[in-house]
C-alpha atoms as a PDB file:
ATOM      1  CA  UNK A   1      -6.555  26.901  -3.656  1.00  0.00           C
ATOM      2  CA  UNK A   2      -2.805  26.800  -3.301  1.00  0.00           C
ATOM      3  CA  UNK A   3      -0.395  27.753  -6.094  1.00  0.00           C
ATOM      4  CA  UNK A   4      -1.060  25.729  -9.259  1.00  0.00           C
ATOM      5  CA  UNK A   5       1.390  23.111 -10.476  1.00  0.00           C
ATOM      6  CA  UNK A   6       3.356  24.323 -13.507  1.00  0.00           C
ATOM      7  CA  UNK A   7       2.417  22.851 -16.888  1.00  0.00           C
ATOM      8  CA  UNK A   8       6.071  21.900 -17.481  1.00  0.00           C
ATOM      9  CA  UNK A   9       5.964  19.728 -14.342  1.00  0.00           C
ATOM     10  CA  UNK A  10       2.747  18.111 -15.567  1.00  0.00           C
ATOM     11  CA  UNK A  11       4.388  17.253 -18.905  1.00  0.00           C
ATOM     12  CA  UNK A  12       7.445  15.801 -17.155  1.00  0.00           C
ATOM     13  CA  UNK A  13       5.181  13.651 -15.000  1.00  0.00           C
ATOM     14  CA  UNK A  14       3.394  12.326 -18.088  1.00  0.00           C
ATOM     15  CA  UNK A  15       6.685  11.470 -19.789  1.00  0.00           C
ATOM     16  CA  UNK A  16       8.104   9.738 -16.728  1.00  0.00           C
ATOM     17  CA  UNK A  17       4.971   7.646 -16.148  1.00  0.00           C
ATOM     18  CA  UNK A  18       4.998   6.621 -19.808  1.00  0.00           C
ATOM     19  CA  UNK A  19       8.540   5.232 -19.727  1.00  0.00           C
ATOM     20  CA  UNK A  20       9.362   4.019 -16.201  1.00  0.00           C
ATOM     21  CA  UNK A  21       7.206   0.909 -16.678  1.00  0.00           C
ATOM     22  CA  UNK A  22       7.176  -1.013 -19.948  1.00  0.00           C
ATOM     23  CA  UNK A  23       4.170  -3.195 -19.179  1.00  0.00           C
ATOM     24  CA  UNK A  24       0.747  -1.708 -18.508  1.00  0.00           C
ATOM     25  CA  UNK A  25       0.184  -4.183 -15.657  1.00  0.00           C
ATOM     26  CA  UNK A  26       3.215  -2.752 -13.804  1.00  0.00           C
ATOM     27  CA  UNK A  27       2.051   0.817 -14.440  1.00  0.00           C
ATOM     28  CA  UNK A  28      -1.412  -0.029 -13.164  1.00  0.00           C
ATOM     29  CA  UNK A  29       0.010  -1.670 -10.048  1.00  0.00           C
ATOM     30  CA  UNK A  30       2.135   1.408  -9.306  1.00  0.00           C
ATOM     31  CA  UNK A  31      -0.832   3.768  -9.719  1.00  0.00           C
ATOM     32  CA  UNK A  32      -3.139   1.536  -7.665  1.00  0.00           C
ATOM     33  CA  UNK A  33      -0.759   1.630  -4.718  1.00  0.00           C
ATOM     34  CA  UNK A  34       0.190   5.307  -5.102  1.00  0.00           C
ATOM     35  CA  UNK A  35      -3.140   7.069  -5.649  1.00  0.00           C
ATOM     36  CA  UNK A  36      -5.226   7.395  -2.506  1.00  0.00           C
ATOM     37  CA  UNK A  37      -8.322   7.542  -4.746  1.00  0.00           C
ATOM     38  CA  UNK A  38      -7.548   4.476  -6.856  1.00  0.00           C
ATOM     39  CA  UNK A  39     -11.125   4.466  -8.208  1.00  0.00           C
ATOM     40  CA  UNK A  40      -9.778   6.972 -10.755  1.00  0.00           C
ATOM     41  CA  UNK A  41      -8.183   4.027 -12.558  1.00  0.00           C
ATOM     42  CA  UNK A  42     -11.559   2.475 -13.292  1.00  0.00           C
ATOM     43  CA  UNK A  43     -12.365   5.330 -15.678  1.00  0.00           C
ATOM     44  CA  UNK A  44      -9.354   4.618 -17.901  1.00  0.00           C
ATOM     45  CA  UNK A  45      -9.319   2.545 -21.086  1.00  0.00           C
ATOM     46  CA  UNK A  46      -6.640  -0.019 -20.278  1.00  0.00           C
ATOM     47  CA  UNK A  47      -6.775  -1.494 -23.779  1.00  0.00           C
ATOM     48  CA  UNK A  48      -5.470   1.829 -25.144  1.00  0.00           C
ATOM     49  CA  UNK A  49      -1.790   2.680 -25.622  1.00  0.00           C
ATOM     50  CA  UNK A  50       0.104   3.300 -22.386  1.00  0.00           C
ATOM     51  CA  UNK A  51       0.955   6.922 -23.248  1.00  0.00           C
ATOM     52  CA  UNK A  52      -2.723   7.684 -23.930  1.00  0.00           C
ATOM     53  CA  UNK A  53      -3.733   6.108 -20.611  1.00  0.00           C
ATOM     54  CA  UNK A  54      -1.209   8.240 -18.724  1.00  0.00           C
ATOM     55  CA  UNK A  55      -2.206  11.396 -20.565  1.00  0.00           C
ATOM     56  CA  UNK A  56      -5.919  10.855 -19.877  1.00  0.00           C
ATOM     57  CA  UNK A  57      -5.311  10.351 -16.159  1.00  0.00           C
ATOM     58  CA  UNK A  58      -2.921  13.275 -15.632  1.00  0.00           C
ATOM     59  CA  UNK A  59      -4.991  15.655 -17.770  1.00  0.00           C
ATOM     60  CA  UNK A  60      -8.045  14.815 -15.664  1.00  0.00           C
ATOM     61  CA  UNK A  61      -6.199  15.397 -12.393  1.00  0.00           C
ATOM     62  CA  UNK A  62      -4.710  18.668 -13.681  1.00  0.00           C
ATOM     63  CA  UNK A  63      -8.061  19.896 -15.023  1.00  0.00           C
ATOM     64  CA  UNK A  64      -9.547  19.294 -11.566  1.00  0.00           C
ATOM     65  CA  UNK A  65      -6.517  20.475  -9.624  1.00  0.00           C
ATOM     66  CA  UNK A  66      -8.618  22.169  -6.971  1.00  0.00           C
ATOM     67  CA  UNK A  67      -9.736  18.653  -5.947  1.00  0.00           C
ATOM     68  CA  UNK A  68      -6.713  16.538  -6.935  1.00  0.00           C
ATOM     69  CA  UNK A  69      -3.659  18.723  -6.334  1.00  0.00           C
ATOM     70  CA  UNK A  70      -2.525  16.571  -3.416  1.00  0.00           C
ATOM     71  CA  UNK A  71      -2.865  13.449  -5.585  1.00  0.00           C
ATOM     72  CA  UNK A  72      -0.723  15.085  -8.288  1.00  0.00           C
ATOM     73  CA  UNK A  73       1.947  16.235  -5.844  1.00  0.00           C
ATOM     74  CA  UNK A  74       2.101  12.841  -4.196  1.00  0.00           C
ATOM     75  CA  UNK A  75       2.319  11.125  -7.593  1.00  0.00           C
ATOM     76  CA  UNK A  76       5.101  13.481  -8.698  1.00  0.00           C
ATOM     77  CA  UNK A  77       6.990  12.847  -5.482  1.00  0.00           C
ATOM     78  CA  UNK A  78       6.709   9.057  -5.715  1.00  0.00           C
ATOM     79  CA  UNK A  79       7.788   8.983  -9.377  1.00  0.00           C
ATOM     80  CA  UNK A  80      10.723  11.329  -8.750  1.00  0.00           C
ATOM     81  CA  UNK A  81      11.848   9.059  -5.884  1.00  0.00           C
ATOM     82  CA  UNK A  82      12.274   5.991  -8.112  1.00  0.00           C
ATOM     83  CA  UNK A  83      15.921   4.953  -8.416  1.00  0.00           C
ATOM     84  CA  UNK A  84      15.710   1.277  -9.408  1.00  0.00           C
ATOM     85  CA  UNK A  85      15.141   0.636 -13.128  1.00  0.00           C
ATOM     86  CA  UNK A  86      16.457  -2.930 -13.255  1.00  0.00           C
ATOM     87  CA  UNK A  87      13.046  -4.161 -14.445  1.00  0.00           C
ATOM     88  CA  UNK A  88      13.706  -2.344 -17.755  1.00  0.00           C
ATOM     89  CA  UNK A  89      17.250  -3.642 -18.120  1.00  0.00           C
ATOM     90  CA  UNK A  90      15.987  -7.168 -18.723  1.00  0.00           C
ATOM     91  CA  UNK A  91      13.950  -6.141 -21.803  1.00  0.00           C
ATOM     92  CA  UNK A  92      15.083  -5.913 -25.400  1.00  0.00           C
ATOM     93  CA  UNK A  93      17.141  -2.742 -25.827  1.00  0.00           C
ATOM     94  CA  UNK A  94      16.965  -2.547 -22.035  1.00  0.00           C
ATOM     95  CA  UNK A  95      19.861  -0.141 -21.556  1.00  0.00           C
ATOM     96  CA  UNK A  96      18.195   2.448 -23.779  1.00  0.00           C
ATOM     97  CA  UNK A  97      14.843   2.003 -22.019  1.00  0.00           C
ATOM     98  CA  UNK A  98      16.578   2.385 -18.663  1.00  0.00           C
ATOM     99  CA  UNK A  99      18.391   5.528 -19.836  1.00  0.00           C
ATOM    100  CA  UNK A 100      15.148   7.169 -21.007  1.00  0.00           C
ATOM    101  CA  UNK A 101      13.384   6.306 -17.769  1.00  0.00           C
ATOM    102  CA  UNK A 102      16.220   7.615 -15.622  1.00  0.00           C
ATOM    103  CA  UNK A 103      16.437  10.881 -17.591  1.00  0.00           C
ATOM    104  CA  UNK A 104      12.666  11.392 -17.381  1.00  0.00           C
ATOM    105  CA  UNK A 105      12.784  11.022 -13.592  1.00  0.00           C
ATOM    106  CA  UNK A 106      15.712  13.477 -13.360  1.00  0.00           C
ATOM    107  CA  UNK A 107      13.761  15.988 -15.474  1.00  0.00           C
ATOM    108  CA  UNK A 108      10.720  15.609 -13.217  1.00  0.00           C
ATOM    109  CA  UNK A 109      12.877  16.036 -10.128  1.00  0.00           C
ATOM    110  CA  UNK A 110      14.171  19.366 -11.481  1.00  0.00           C
ATOM    111  CA  UNK A 111      10.609  20.556 -12.027  1.00  0.00           C
ATOM    112  CA  UNK A 112       9.773  19.495  -8.487  1.00  0.00           C
ATOM    113  CA  UNK A 113      12.160  22.111  -7.089  1.00  0.00           C
ATOM    114  CA  UNK A 114       9.559  24.790  -7.769  1.00  0.00           C
ATOM    115  CA  UNK A 115       6.989  22.870  -5.751  1.00  0.00           C
ATOM    116  CA  UNK A 116       9.077  22.043  -2.695  1.00  0.00           C
ATOM    117  CA  UNK A 117       7.022  24.375  -0.545  1.00  0.00           C
ATOM    118  CA  UNK A 118       3.854  22.471  -1.392  1.00  0.00           C
ATOM    119  CA  UNK A 119       5.532  19.150  -0.695  1.00  0.00           C
ATOM    120  CA  UNK A 120       7.000  20.394   2.566  1.00  0.00           C
ATOM    121  CA  UNK A 121       3.535  21.444   3.646  1.00  0.00           C
ATOM    122  CA  UNK A 122       2.328  17.858   3.122  1.00  0.00           C
ATOM    123  CA  UNK A 123       5.390  16.470   4.927  1.00  0.00           C
ATOM    124  CA  UNK A 124       4.601  18.758   7.861  1.00  0.00           C
ATOM    125  CA  UNK A 125       1.097  17.298   7.902  1.00  0.00           C
ATOM    126  CA  UNK A 126       2.587  13.803   8.208  1.00  0.00           C
ATOM    127  CA  UNK A 127       4.790  14.947  11.083  1.00  0.00           C
ATOM    128  CA  UNK A 128       1.816  16.558  12.775  1.00  0.00           C
ATOM    129  CA  UNK A 129      -0.039  13.279  12.376  1.00  0.00           C
ATOM    130  CA  UNK A 130       2.845  11.387  14.010  1.00  0.00           C
ATOM    131  CA  UNK A 131       2.825  13.824  16.929  1.00  0.00           C
ATOM    132  CA  UNK A 132      -0.940  13.493  17.180  1.00  0.00           C
ATOM    133  CA  UNK A 133      -0.569   9.708  17.366  1.00  0.00           C
ATOM    134  CA  UNK A 134       1.800  10.059  20.317  1.00  0.00           C
ATOM    135  CA  UNK A 135      -0.808  12.223  22.036  1.00  0.00           C
ATOM    136  CA  UNK A 136      -3.484   9.646  21.286  1.00  0.00           C
ATOM    137  CA  UNK A 137      -1.290   6.909  22.720  1.00  0.00           C
ATOM    138  CA  UNK A 138      -0.945   8.996  25.849  1.00  0.00           C
ATOM    139  CA  UNK A 139      -4.716   8.979  26.245  1.00  0.00           C
ATOM    140  CA  UNK A 140      -5.479   6.286  28.800  1.00  0.00           C
ATOM    141  CA  UNK A 141      -8.600   4.879  27.114  1.00  0.00           C
ATOM    142  CA  UNK A 142      -6.863   4.069  23.814  1.00  0.00           C
ATOM    143  CA  UNK A 143      -3.764   2.779  25.551  1.00  0.00           C
ATOM    144  CA  UNK A 144      -5.803   0.508  27.787  1.00  0.00           C
ATOM    145  CA  UNK A 145      -7.734  -0.897  24.826  1.00  0.00           C
ATOM    146  CA  UNK A 146      -4.524  -1.625  22.903  1.00  0.00           C
ATOM    147  CA  UNK A 147      -3.068  -3.357  25.973  1.00  0.00           C
ATOM    148  CA  UNK A 148      -6.226  -5.419  26.310  1.00  0.00           C
ATOM    149  CA  UNK A 149      -5.995  -6.553  22.674  1.00  0.00           C
ATOM    150  CA  UNK A 150      -2.308  -7.358  23.174  1.00  0.00           C
ATOM    151  CA  UNK A 151      -3.084  -9.564  26.193  1.00  0.00           C
ATOM    152  CA  UNK A 152      -5.670 -11.464  24.134  1.00  0.00           C
ATOM    153  CA  UNK A 153      -3.012 -11.952  21.458  1.00  0.00           C
ATOM    154  CA  UNK A 154      -0.564 -13.415  24.011  1.00  0.00           C
ATOM    155  CA  UNK A 155      -3.238 -15.810  25.255  1.00  0.00           C
ATOM    156  CA  UNK A 156      -3.860 -16.874  21.664  1.00  0.00           C
ATOM    157  CA  UNK A 157      -0.134 -17.551  21.159  1.00  0.00           C
ATOM    158  CA  UNK A 158      -0.150 -19.964  24.107  1.00  0.00           C
ATOM    159  CA  UNK A 159      -3.233 -21.848  22.890  1.00  0.00           C
ATOM    160  CA  UNK A 160      -1.461 -24.101  20.359  1.00  0.00           C
ATOM    161  CA  UNK A 161      -3.681 -27.137  21.003  1.00  0.00           C
ATOM    162  CA  UNK A 162      -6.921 -25.665  19.660  1.00  0.00           C
ATOM    163  CA  UNK A 163      -6.511 -24.252  16.102  1.00  0.00           C
ATOM    164  CA  UNK A 164     -10.238 -23.550  15.657  1.00  0.00           C
ATOM    165  CA  UNK A 165     -10.494 -21.518  18.875  1.00  0.00           C
ATOM    166  CA  UNK A 166      -7.236 -19.787  17.982  1.00  0.00           C
ATOM    167  CA  UNK A 167      -8.798 -18.729  14.678  1.00  0.00           C
ATOM    168  CA  UNK A 168     -11.839 -17.235  16.407  1.00  0.00           C
ATOM    169  CA  UNK A 169      -9.587 -15.347  18.842  1.00  0.00           C
ATOM    170  CA  UNK A 170      -7.490 -13.925  15.997  1.00  0.00           C
ATOM    171  CA  UNK A 171     -10.701 -12.852  14.237  1.00  0.00           C
ATOM    172  CA  UNK A 172     -11.827 -10.999  17.383  1.00  0.00           C
ATOM    173  CA  UNK A 173      -8.401  -9.372  17.843  1.00  0.00           C
ATOM    174  CA  UNK A 174      -8.274  -8.085  14.254  1.00  0.00           C
ATOM    175  CA  UNK A 175     -11.869  -6.826  14.415  1.00  0.00           C
ATOM    176  CA  UNK A 176     -11.091  -4.831  17.567  1.00  0.00           C
ATOM    177  CA  UNK A 177      -7.778  -3.534  16.213  1.00  0.00           C
ATOM    178  CA  UNK A 178      -9.264  -2.284  12.948  1.00  0.00           C
ATOM    179  CA  UNK A 179     -12.110  -0.603  14.831  1.00  0.00           C
ATOM    180  CA  UNK A 180      -9.626   1.072  17.202  1.00  0.00           C
ATOM    181  CA  UNK A 181      -7.816   2.670  14.253  1.00  0.00           C
ATOM    182  CA  UNK A 182     -11.078   3.669  12.481  1.00  0.00           C
ATOM    183  CA  UNK A 183     -10.533   1.340   9.514  1.00  0.00           C
ATOM    184  CA  UNK A 184     -14.217   0.394   9.233  1.00  0.00           C
ATOM    185  CA  UNK A 185     -13.961  -3.412   9.440  1.00  0.00           C
ATOM    186  CA  UNK A 186     -16.932  -5.083   7.800  1.00  0.00           C
ATOM    187  CA  UNK A 187     -19.146  -7.471   9.742  1.00  0.00           C
ATOM    188  CA  UNK A 188     -18.334 -10.183   7.192  1.00  0.00           C
ATOM    189  CA  UNK A 189     -15.184 -11.199   9.147  1.00  0.00           C
ATOM    190  CA  UNK A 190     -15.477 -14.989   9.478  1.00  0.00           C
ATOM    191  CA  UNK A 191     -13.265 -17.952  10.282  1.00  0.00           C
ATOM    192  CA  UNK A 192     -12.837 -20.949   7.967  1.00  0.00           C
ATOM    193  CA  UNK A 193     -10.470 -23.381   9.666  1.00  0.00           C
ATOM    194  CA  UNK A 194      -7.490 -21.212  10.611  1.00  0.00           C
ATOM    195  CA  UNK A 195      -8.174 -18.623   7.909  1.00  0.00           C
ATOM    196  CA  UNK A 196     -10.097 -15.378   8.354  1.00  0.00           C
ATOM    197  CA  UNK A 197     -11.943 -13.595   5.572  1.00  0.00           C
ATOM    198  CA  UNK A 198     -12.898  -9.965   6.035  1.00  0.00           C
ATOM    199  CA  UNK A 199     -12.872  -6.492   4.541  1.00  0.00           C
ATOM    200  CA  UNK A 200     -12.098  -2.935   5.602  1.00  0.00           C
ATOM    201  CA  UNK A 201     -11.813   0.578   4.148  1.00  0.00           C
ATOM    202  CA  UNK A 202      -8.639   2.661   4.170  1.00  0.00           C
ATOM    203  CA  UNK A 203      -8.100   6.113   2.576  1.00  0.00           C
ATOM    204  CA  UNK A 204     -10.921   5.719   0.066  1.00  0.00           C
ATOM    205  CA  UNK A 205      -9.867   2.203  -0.993  1.00  0.00           C
ATOM    206  CA  UNK A 206     -11.622  -1.045  -0.110  1.00  0.00           C
ATOM    207  CA  UNK A 207      -9.443  -3.926   1.056  1.00  0.00           C
ATOM    208  CA  UNK A 208     -10.139  -7.622   1.304  1.00  0.00           C
ATOM    209  CA  UNK A 209      -8.405  -9.250   4.256  1.00  0.00           C
ATOM    210  CA  UNK A 210      -7.243 -12.809   4.704  1.00  0.00           C
ATOM    211  CA  UNK A 211      -5.420 -13.864   7.857  1.00  0.00           C
ATOM    212  CA  UNK A 212      -3.819 -17.220   8.561  1.00  0.00           C
ATOM    213  CA  UNK A 213      -1.945 -18.807  11.444  1.00  0.00           C
ATOM    214  CA  UNK A 214      -0.149 -22.025  10.612  1.00  0.00           C
ATOM    215  CA  UNK A 215       3.189 -23.500  11.639  1.00  0.00           C
ATOM    216  CA  UNK A 216       4.917 -23.115   8.251  1.00  0.00           C
ATOM    217  CA  UNK A 217       5.180 -19.903   6.174  1.00  0.00           C
ATOM    218  CA  UNK A 218       2.317 -19.299   3.751  1.00  0.00           C
ATOM    219  CA  UNK A 219       2.898 -20.585   0.209  1.00  0.00           C
ATOM    220  CA  UNK A 220       2.029 -18.870  -3.070  1.00  0.00           C
ATOM    221  CA  UNK A 221      -0.895 -21.226  -3.722  1.00  0.00           C
ATOM    222  CA  UNK A 222      -2.460 -20.138  -0.438  1.00  0.00           C
ATOM    223  CA  UNK A 223      -2.480 -16.480  -1.506  1.00  0.00           C
ATOM    224  CA  UNK A 224      -4.082 -17.338  -4.847  1.00  0.00           C
ATOM    225  CA  UNK A 225      -7.570 -17.449  -3.319  1.00  0.00           C
ATOM    226  CA  UNK A 226      -7.238 -13.804  -2.283  1.00  0.00           C
ATOM    227  CA  UNK A 227      -5.852 -12.651  -5.641  1.00  0.00           C
ATOM    228  CA  UNK A 228      -8.651 -14.542  -7.413  1.00  0.00           C
ATOM    229  CA  UNK A 229     -11.248 -12.655  -5.337  1.00  0.00           C
ATOM    230  CA  UNK A 230      -9.521  -9.337  -6.073  1.00  0.00           C
ATOM    231  CA  UNK A 231      -9.596 -10.006  -9.816  1.00  0.00           C
ATOM    232  CA  UNK A 232     -13.384 -10.259  -9.571  1.00  0.00           C
ATOM    233  CA  UNK A 233     -13.703  -6.960  -7.676  1.00  0.00           C
ATOM    234  CA  UNK A 234     -13.647  -3.318  -8.786  1.00  0.00           C
ATOM    235  CA  UNK A 235     -10.313  -1.804  -9.805  1.00  0.00           C
ATOM    236  CA  UNK A 236      -9.933   0.158  -6.577  1.00  0.00           C
ATOM    237  CA  UNK A 237      -9.939  -2.977  -4.396  1.00  0.00           C
ATOM    238  CA  UNK A 238      -6.660  -4.174  -2.871  1.00  0.00           C
ATOM    239  CA  UNK A 239      -5.802  -7.052  -0.563  1.00  0.00           C
ATOM    240  CA  UNK A 240      -4.048  -7.465   2.793  1.00  0.00           C
ATOM    241  CA  UNK A 241      -2.808 -10.957   3.675  1.00  0.00           C
ATOM    242  CA  UNK A 242      -1.720 -11.454   7.288  1.00  0.00           C
ATOM    243  CA  UNK A 243       0.281 -14.584   8.076  1.00  0.00           C
ATOM    244  CA  UNK A 244       1.395 -14.846  11.687  1.00  0.00           C
ATOM    245  CA  UNK A 245       4.420 -16.943  10.706  1.00  0.00           C
ATOM    246  CA  UNK A 246       5.280 -15.092   7.511  1.00  0.00           C
ATOM    247  CA  UNK A 247       5.552 -16.125   3.866  1.00  0.00           C
ATOM    248  CA  UNK A 248       7.832 -18.387   1.883  1.00  0.00           C
ATOM    249  CA  UNK A 249      10.324 -16.772  -0.476  1.00  0.00           C
ATOM    250  CA  UNK A 250       8.625 -18.316  -3.508  1.00  0.00           C
ATOM    251  CA  UNK A 251       5.264 -16.918  -2.352  1.00  0.00           C
ATOM    252  CA  UNK A 252       6.627 -13.361  -2.152  1.00  0.00           C
ATOM    253  CA  UNK A 253       8.249 -13.655  -5.592  1.00  0.00           C
ATOM    254  CA  UNK A 254       5.132 -15.124  -7.195  1.00  0.00           C
ATOM    255  CA  UNK A 255       2.733 -12.527  -5.799  1.00  0.00           C
ATOM    256  CA  UNK A 256       5.141  -9.675  -6.605  1.00  0.00           C
ATOM    257  CA  UNK A 257       5.098 -10.435 -10.334  1.00  0.00           C
ATOM    258  CA  UNK A 258       2.544  -8.897 -12.691  1.00  0.00           C
ATOM    259  CA  UNK A 259      -0.201  -6.665 -11.297  1.00  0.00           C
ATOM    260  CA  UNK A 260       0.533  -6.373  -7.595  1.00  0.00           C
ATOM    261  CA  UNK A 261      -2.738  -6.133  -5.690  1.00  0.00           C
ATOM    262  CA  UNK A 262      -1.792  -7.679  -2.334  1.00  0.00           C
ATOM    263  CA  UNK A 263       0.209  -6.273   0.591  1.00  0.00           C
ATOM    264  CA  UNK A 264       1.762  -8.803   2.985  1.00  0.00           C
ATOM    265  CA  UNK A 265       1.830  -8.491   6.771  1.00  0.00           C
ATOM    266  CA  UNK A 266       3.206 -10.908   9.374  1.00  0.00           C
ATOM    267  CA  UNK A 267       3.190 -11.471  13.125  1.00  0.00           C
ATOM    268  CA  UNK A 268       6.095  -9.072  13.686  1.00  0.00           C
ATOM    269  CA  UNK A 269       4.080  -6.266  12.094  1.00  0.00           C
ATOM    270  CA  UNK A 270       1.077  -7.101  14.251  1.00  0.00           C
ATOM    271  CA  UNK A 271       3.181  -7.175  17.415  1.00  0.00           C
ATOM    272  CA  UNK A 272       4.721  -3.773  16.631  1.00  0.00           C
ATOM    273  CA  UNK A 273       1.204  -2.295  16.375  1.00  0.00           C
ATOM    274  CA  UNK A 274       0.023  -4.011  19.574  1.00  0.00           C
ATOM    275  CA  UNK A 275       3.087  -2.718  21.457  1.00  0.00           C
ATOM    276  CA  UNK A 276       2.377   0.836  20.262  1.00  0.00           C
ATOM    277  CA  UNK A 277       5.628   1.120  18.305  1.00  0.00           C
ATOM    278  CA  UNK A 278       3.725   2.114  15.148  1.00  0.00           C
ATOM    279  CA  UNK A 279       0.231   3.228  14.228  1.00  0.00           C
ATOM    280  CA  UNK A 280      -1.657   0.580  12.169  1.00  0.00           C
ATOM    281  CA  UNK A 281      -2.602   3.279   9.647  1.00  0.00           C
ATOM    282  CA  UNK A 282       1.026   4.381   9.312  1.00  0.00           C
ATOM    283  CA  UNK A 283       2.108   0.744   8.867  1.00  0.00           C
ATOM    284  CA  UNK A 284      -0.342   0.249   5.999  1.00  0.00           C
ATOM    285  CA  UNK A 285       0.634   3.570   4.417  1.00  0.00           C
ATOM    286  CA  UNK A 286       4.330   2.681   4.456  1.00  0.00           C
ATOM    287  CA  UNK A 287       3.731  -0.806   3.072  1.00  0.00           C
ATOM    288  CA  UNK A 288       1.499   0.484   0.288  1.00  0.00           C
ATOM    289  CA  UNK A 289       3.954   3.246  -0.610  1.00  0.00           C
ATOM    290  CA  UNK A 290       6.872   0.797  -0.785  1.00  0.00           C
ATOM    291  CA  UNK A 291       4.860  -1.549  -2.987  1.00  0.00           C
ATOM    292  CA  UNK A 292       4.112   1.341  -5.345  1.00  0.00           C
ATOM    293  CA  UNK A 293       7.692   2.610  -5.469  1.00  0.00           C
ATOM    294  CA  UNK A 294       9.639  -0.632  -5.772  1.00  0.00           C
ATOM    295  CA  UNK A 295       7.199  -3.509  -6.144  1.00  0.00           C
ATOM    296  CA  UNK A 296       8.197  -4.792  -2.677  1.00  0.00           C
ATOM    297  CA  UNK A 297       4.885  -6.004  -1.209  1.00  0.00           C
ATOM    298  CA  UNK A 298       6.527  -7.465   1.914  1.00  0.00           C
ATOM    299  CA  UNK A 299       8.245  -4.514   3.617  1.00  0.00           C
ATOM    300  CA  UNK A 300       9.522  -5.743   6.987  1.00  0.00           C
ATOM    301  CA  UNK A 301       8.792  -3.879  10.216  1.00  0.00           C
ATOM    302  CA  UNK A 302      12.496  -3.460  11.063  1.00  0.00           C
ATOM    303  CA  UNK A 303      12.956  -1.627   7.734  1.00  0.00           C
ATOM    304  CA  UNK A 304      10.097   0.733   8.608  1.00  0.00           C
ATOM    305  CA  UNK A 305      11.190   1.471  12.160  1.00  0.00           C
ATOM    306  CA  UNK A 306      14.869   1.928  11.251  1.00  0.00           C
ATOM    307  CA  UNK A 307      14.135   4.912   8.975  1.00  0.00           C
END
């Protein structure tokens, strides 16, 4: 195993996680989106005090560092990257809560300096993955398949007179796309009107998928069916809602409040994947990471590609 994480860094991580979010629902949302193995959260007693919940989780990861060191490093990195504490400012004694949170993150960041080599190793892995994707895209078989799916998407865009057929075509396109990127789409993909219900697996987490193509942006009430299903599932289940024509502002605000379990994707995201400008896996990773860091569940493709 690589060099162990210092106990001082572990303590700083515990302190930061205990104070950066005041409500347990926000803490749980952050951890759900940040941990690749979010099933770890199902073992925690969420009726306990927040500090005890954090301590139980981090102690478990540290005790089993040979298995979870990457989870710990990633968690430390994501927490130390937080710069927006405005959610605390609105609370009673908000300035003091914000000060404590900011100082805890600064303290963690200082401890991270001793683990830069470990982090850089993981960053190099991401870069190697990006280079590998370019090589994959150069492979004719994958490129041809992606082009074929893209052509089917263009045909679907022109078929505005037949919503039911359009729904079946979108179902087929998504099934093929998820298979192409090894995301294990379940055979339960089905069309109800213009809406698709399905499921897939991604980095150890199960996702429920709903996809919709309608003229107007999706409203908050239309996402409620997905969030209701997620609330009946295990704790490590998240949701991906794809709306070809995007989401209303009130929908994004409504779904972003409380425990954030859904990531939003629109037609621009889908087109970027079909055109080979971004790997579908990378797109989902970036969206999930942004949701964990800032609560933004609707990261736009231009924000991703401009970095």
